[in-house]
Amino acid sequence: MKKYGQADLMIFLICQYISEQMKDVPQSQKKQIEERCYNEITASYPTSREWEMIR
C-alpha cells in the first residue's frame, strides 16, 4: 500500500511549486504545465479515489 495517495501528494506538490515558484510564467502556461504533470502522474500512479474503487 505504499502507492496509496502518492499521486494525490505529487499533484498537490506540483501545484504548490507552480503557484509559488513560477510567478513570472503566464497563467495559461501554468495551466498547461499543471495538466501535463497531472496526466503523467495519473498515468503512472493511481489516485486515492482509484485505489478505493479497486478495493
N, C-alpha and C. Protein backbone atom coordinates (compact mmCIF):
# COMPACT_ATOMS: atom_id res chain seq x y z
N MET A 1 0.81 -1.21 0.00
CA MET A 1 0.00 0.00 0.00
C MET A 1 0.85 1.26 0.00
N LYS A 2 2.09 1.17 -0.41
CA LYS A 2 2.94 2.35 -0.44
C LYS A 2 2.44 3.38 -1.43
N LYS A 3 1.79 2.96 -2.48
CA LYS A 3 1.36 3.89 -3.52
C LYS A 3 0.06 4.61 -3.19
N TYR A 4 -0.62 4.23 -2.12
CA TYR A 4 -1.90 4.85 -1.77
C TYR A 4 -1.68 6.34 -1.49
N GLY A 5 -2.35 7.18 -2.22
CA GLY A 5 -2.27 8.61 -2.01
C GLY A 5 -1.03 9.27 -2.60
N GLN A 6 -0.16 8.50 -3.21
CA GLN A 6 1.08 9.04 -3.75
C GLN A 6 0.80 10.01 -4.90
N ALA A 7 -0.12 9.67 -5.76
CA ALA A 7 -0.46 10.56 -6.88
C ALA A 7 -1.05 11.86 -6.36
N ASP A 8 -1.91 11.77 -5.37
CA ASP A 8 -2.53 12.96 -4.81
C ASP A 8 -1.48 13.90 -4.22
N LEU A 9 -0.52 13.33 -3.51
CA LEU A 9 0.54 14.13 -2.92
C LEU A 9 1.39 14.79 -4.01
N MET A 10 1.75 14.05 -5.04
CA MET A 10 2.56 14.61 -6.11
C MET A 10 1.82 15.73 -6.84
N ILE A 11 0.55 15.56 -7.09
CA ILE A 11 -0.24 16.59 -7.76
C ILE A 11 -0.30 17.84 -6.90
N PHE A 12 -0.52 17.67 -5.61
CA PHE A 12 -0.56 18.81 -4.69
C PHE A 12 0.77 19.55 -4.68
N LEU A 13 1.87 18.80 -4.61
CA LEU A 13 3.19 19.44 -4.56
C LEU A 13 3.52 20.17 -5.86
N ILE A 14 3.13 19.59 -6.99
CA ILE A 14 3.36 20.26 -8.27
C ILE A 14 2.58 21.57 -8.34
N CYS A 15 1.33 21.54 -7.91
CA CYS A 15 0.51 22.76 -7.94
C CYS A 15 1.09 23.83 -7.02
N GLN A 16 1.56 23.42 -5.86
CA GLN A 16 2.18 24.36 -4.93
C GLN A 16 3.45 24.96 -5.53
N TYR A 17 4.26 24.12 -6.11
CA TYR A 17 5.50 24.59 -6.73
C TYR A 17 5.21 25.59 -7.84
N ILE A 18 4.26 25.25 -8.69
CA ILE A 18 3.93 26.14 -9.81
C ILE A 18 3.41 27.48 -9.31
N SER A 19 2.55 27.47 -8.31
CA SER A 19 1.97 28.72 -7.83
C SER A 19 2.99 29.58 -7.07
N GLU A 20 3.93 28.95 -6.38
CA GLU A 20 4.88 29.72 -5.58
C GLU A 20 6.18 30.05 -6.31
N GLN A 21 6.68 29.16 -7.14
CA GLN A 21 7.98 29.35 -7.75
C GLN A 21 7.95 29.87 -9.17
N MET A 22 6.82 29.76 -9.82
CA MET A 22 6.74 30.17 -11.23
C MET A 22 5.86 31.41 -11.37
N LYS A 23 6.17 32.44 -10.60
CA LYS A 23 5.35 33.64 -10.59
C LYS A 23 5.45 34.45 -11.88
N ASP A 24 6.56 34.32 -12.60
CA ASP A 24 6.75 35.10 -13.82
C ASP A 24 6.14 34.43 -15.06
N VAL A 25 5.65 33.21 -14.90
CA VAL A 25 5.09 32.46 -16.02
C VAL A 25 3.62 32.85 -16.19
N PRO A 26 3.17 33.07 -17.41
CA PRO A 26 1.76 33.41 -17.65
C PRO A 26 0.81 32.32 -17.16
N GLN A 27 -0.38 32.72 -16.76
CA GLN A 27 -1.36 31.80 -16.20
C GLN A 27 -1.73 30.68 -17.17
N SER A 28 -1.83 31.00 -18.45
CA SER A 28 -2.19 29.97 -19.43
C SER A 28 -1.11 28.90 -19.53
N GLN A 29 0.14 29.32 -19.43
CA GLN A 29 1.23 28.36 -19.49
C GLN A 29 1.28 27.52 -18.21
N LYS A 30 0.98 28.13 -17.07
CA LYS A 30 0.93 27.39 -15.81
C LYS A 30 -0.12 26.29 -15.89
N LYS A 31 -1.26 26.62 -16.47
CA LYS A 31 -2.35 25.65 -16.61
C LYS A 31 -1.93 24.48 -17.48
N GLN A 32 -1.22 24.76 -18.56
CA GLN A 32 -0.73 23.69 -19.44
C GLN A 32 0.27 22.80 -18.72
N ILE A 33 1.14 23.39 -17.94
CA ILE A 33 2.13 22.62 -17.19
C ILE A 33 1.44 21.74 -16.17
N GLU A 34 0.45 22.29 -15.46
CA GLU A 34 -0.30 21.51 -14.47
C GLU A 34 -1.01 20.34 -15.13
N GLU A 35 -1.64 20.57 -16.26
CA GLU A 35 -2.36 19.50 -16.96
C GLU A 35 -1.41 18.40 -17.42
N ARG A 36 -0.27 18.79 -17.96
CA ARG A 36 0.71 17.82 -18.43
C ARG A 36 1.24 16.98 -17.26
N CYS A 37 1.56 17.64 -16.15
CA CYS A 37 2.04 16.93 -14.96
C CYS A 37 0.96 16.00 -14.42
N TYR A 38 -0.28 16.49 -14.36
CA TYR A 38 -1.39 15.68 -13.86
C TYR A 38 -1.55 14.42 -14.70
N ASN A 39 -1.50 14.57 -16.02
CA ASN A 39 -1.66 13.42 -16.91
C ASN A 39 -0.53 12.41 -16.75
N GLU A 40 0.69 12.90 -16.60
CA GLU A 40 1.82 11.99 -16.43
C GLU A 40 1.77 11.27 -15.09
N ILE A 41 1.38 11.98 -14.05
CA ILE A 41 1.31 11.37 -12.71
C ILE A 41 0.20 10.32 -12.67
N THR A 42 -0.98 10.66 -13.17
CA THR A 42 -2.09 9.71 -13.11
C THR A 42 -1.88 8.52 -14.03
N ALA A 43 -1.03 8.67 -15.04
CA ALA A 43 -0.71 7.53 -15.91
C ALA A 43 0.19 6.54 -15.18
N SER A 44 0.99 7.02 -14.25
CA SER A 44 1.94 6.16 -13.55
C SER A 44 1.44 5.66 -12.19
N TYR A 45 0.63 6.48 -11.52
CA TYR A 45 0.19 6.14 -10.16
C TYR A 45 -1.32 6.33 -10.03
N PRO A 46 -2.00 5.45 -9.33
CA PRO A 46 -3.43 5.64 -9.11
C PRO A 46 -3.68 6.68 -8.01
N THR A 47 -4.77 7.42 -8.15
CA THR A 47 -5.14 8.37 -7.11
C THR A 47 -5.82 7.62 -5.97
N SER A 48 -6.06 8.30 -4.87
CA SER A 48 -6.74 7.67 -3.72
C SER A 48 -8.13 7.18 -4.12
N ARG A 49 -8.82 7.97 -4.92
CA ARG A 49 -10.16 7.59 -5.37
C ARG A 49 -10.10 6.29 -6.18
N GLU A 50 -9.11 6.18 -7.07
CA GLU A 50 -8.97 4.96 -7.87
C GLU A 50 -8.64 3.76 -6.98
N TRP A 51 -7.81 3.96 -5.97
CA TRP A 51 -7.49 2.86 -5.05
C TRP A 51 -8.75 2.37 -4.34
N GLU A 52 -9.61 3.30 -3.93
CA GLU A 52 -10.84 2.93 -3.24
C GLU A 52 -11.78 2.16 -4.15
N MET A 53 -11.80 2.53 -5.42
CA MET A 53 -12.69 1.86 -6.36
C MET A 53 -12.18 0.47 -6.70
N ILE A 54 -10.86 0.29 -6.65
CA ILE A 54 -10.26 -1.03 -6.91
C ILE A 54 -10.65 -2.02 -5.82
N ARG A 55 -10.67 -1.53 -4.61
CA ARG A 55 -10.96 -2.39 -3.46
C ARG A 55 -12.35 -2.84 -3.51
